[in-house]
């Protein structure tokens, strides 16, 4: 699979109100609230309707890292998107979670809350 194929799948299969993306703890999911072909927004608030967005650029970077290095972790994400990570660390697991949802990656836990992603 190449990026263009994956991008098309993201547009078609990550459906607002229907798709819920696995969190890094592996126990909970975030509901997708919008997918406009450039960004995907997900509900992040536990007690509120707060949401955060990830860009297709973040997903593309994660996908390419996964293919090139055989893994994608928070160090990789921070190297490319440090400002976004500082503002909302959950964007890392939101990005990896999209790859898991589409069957491109699997979540590999290394403690109760954190994980890496591998093909």
Protein backbone atom coordinates (compact mmCIF):
# COMPACT_ATOMS: atom_id res chain seq x y z
CA UNK A 1 0.00 0.00 0.00
CA UNK A 2 1.23 3.50 -0.79
CA UNK A 3 0.24 6.86 0.67
CA UNK A 4 -2.29 7.68 -2.06
CA UNK A 5 -4.14 4.42 -1.43
CA UNK A 6 -4.08 4.97 2.33
CA UNK A 7 -5.23 8.56 1.96
CA UNK A 8 -8.24 7.40 -0.04
CA UNK A 9 -9.07 4.82 2.63
CA UNK A 10 -8.86 7.50 5.33
CA UNK A 11 -11.31 9.67 3.40
CA UNK A 12 -13.71 6.76 2.84
CA UNK A 13 -13.44 4.69 6.02
CA UNK A 14 -12.83 7.16 8.87
CA UNK A 15 -16.43 8.30 9.23
CA UNK A 16 -17.59 11.05 11.60
CA UNK A 17 -20.06 9.78 14.17
CA UNK A 18 -19.38 6.15 13.26
CA UNK A 19 -15.64 5.54 13.63
CA UNK A 20 -14.01 5.45 17.07
CA UNK A 21 -10.21 5.44 17.24
CA UNK A 22 -8.40 3.32 19.84
CA UNK A 23 -6.56 5.29 22.53
CA UNK A 24 -2.97 4.46 23.50
CA UNK A 25 -4.13 2.68 26.66
CA UNK A 26 -5.88 0.11 24.45
CA UNK A 27 -9.07 0.22 26.53
CA UNK A 28 -10.93 3.24 25.25
CA UNK A 29 -11.82 4.82 21.93
CA UNK A 30 -12.25 8.40 20.67
CA UNK A 31 -15.22 9.13 18.42
CA UNK A 32 -14.38 10.88 15.16
CA UNK A 33 -16.35 14.13 14.93
CA UNK A 34 -15.20 15.30 11.48
CA UNK A 35 -13.04 14.26 8.53
CA UNK A 36 -12.79 16.92 5.83
CA UNK A 37 -10.01 15.35 3.75
CA UNK A 38 -7.32 17.49 5.39
CA UNK A 39 -7.90 17.02 9.13
CA UNK A 40 -9.66 14.56 11.38
CA UNK A 41 -11.21 15.78 14.62
CA UNK A 42 -11.88 13.44 17.55
CA UNK A 43 -13.60 13.84 20.88
CA UNK A 44 -10.90 13.99 23.55
CA UNK A 45 -12.82 15.27 26.56
CA UNK A 46 -13.89 12.67 29.09
CA UNK A 47 -16.40 14.89 30.84
CA UNK A 48 -16.77 17.53 28.12
CA UNK A 49 -17.32 17.65 24.37
CA UNK A 50 -13.75 18.88 23.85
CA UNK A 51 -12.06 17.70 20.68
CA UNK A 52 -8.66 17.86 18.98
CA UNK A 53 -7.55 17.57 15.37
CA UNK A 54 -4.83 15.70 13.56
CA UNK A 55 -3.80 16.46 10.00
CA UNK A 56 -3.46 14.11 7.07
CA UNK A 57 0.17 15.31 7.03
CA UNK A 58 0.64 13.79 10.51
CA UNK A 59 -0.83 10.49 9.35
CA UNK A 60 1.33 10.49 6.22
CA UNK A 61 4.46 11.11 8.29
CA UNK A 62 3.52 8.30 10.69
CA UNK A 63 2.80 5.92 7.79
CA UNK A 64 6.11 6.73 6.08
CA UNK A 65 8.01 6.32 9.37
CA UNK A 66 6.29 3.00 9.98
CA UNK A 67 7.33 1.75 6.54
CA UNK A 68 10.90 3.11 6.70
CA UNK A 69 11.78 2.27 10.33
CA UNK A 70 9.43 -0.62 11.05
CA UNK A 71 7.89 1.34 13.94
CA UNK A 72 6.34 4.67 14.83
CA UNK A 73 6.61 6.08 18.36
CA UNK A 74 6.16 9.34 20.20
CA UNK A 75 9.81 10.31 19.61
CA UNK A 76 9.17 10.14 15.87
CA UNK A 77 5.99 12.19 16.22
CA UNK A 78 7.65 14.86 18.38
CA UNK A 79 10.55 15.15 15.91
CA UNK A 80 8.14 16.17 13.15
CA UNK A 81 5.36 17.90 15.12
CA UNK A 82 6.87 19.20 18.35
CA UNK A 83 4.53 22.20 18.70
CA UNK A 84 1.44 20.09 18.09
CA UNK A 85 2.66 17.45 20.55
CA UNK A 86 3.34 20.08 23.23
CA UNK A 87 -0.16 21.51 22.78
CA UNK A 88 -1.86 18.09 22.83
CA UNK A 89 0.20 14.92 23.39
CA UNK A 90 -2.87 12.85 22.56
CA UNK A 91 -2.32 13.70 18.91
CA UNK A 92 0.39 11.03 18.81
CA UNK A 93 -2.02 8.24 19.77
CA UNK A 94 -4.78 9.73 17.61
CA UNK A 95 -2.44 9.48 14.62
CA UNK A 96 -1.28 5.96 15.43
CA UNK A 97 -4.85 4.97 16.20
CA UNK A 98 -5.95 5.85 12.66
CA UNK A 99 -3.28 3.50 11.30
CA UNK A 100 -4.51 0.77 13.66
CA UNK A 101 -8.12 1.35 12.64
CA UNK A 102 -7.21 0.84 8.98
CA UNK A 103 -5.15 -2.29 9.71
CA UNK A 104 -1.84 -0.72 8.69
CA UNK A 105 -0.31 -0.83 12.17
CA UNK A 106 -0.77 -2.58 15.46
CA UNK A 107 -0.57 -1.04 18.91
CA UNK A 108 2.30 -2.49 20.96
CA UNK A 109 2.02 -1.48 24.64
CA UNK A 110 5.05 -0.92 26.82
CA UNK A 111 3.21 0.12 29.97
CA UNK A 112 -0.41 0.73 31.05
CA UNK A 113 -0.80 4.03 29.21
CA UNK A 114 1.87 4.17 26.52
CA UNK A 115 2.54 2.32 23.32
CA UNK A 116 4.40 2.24 20.03
CA UNK A 117 3.03 1.22 16.65
CA UNK A 118 4.44 -1.50 14.38
CA UNK A 119 3.36 -2.91 11.02
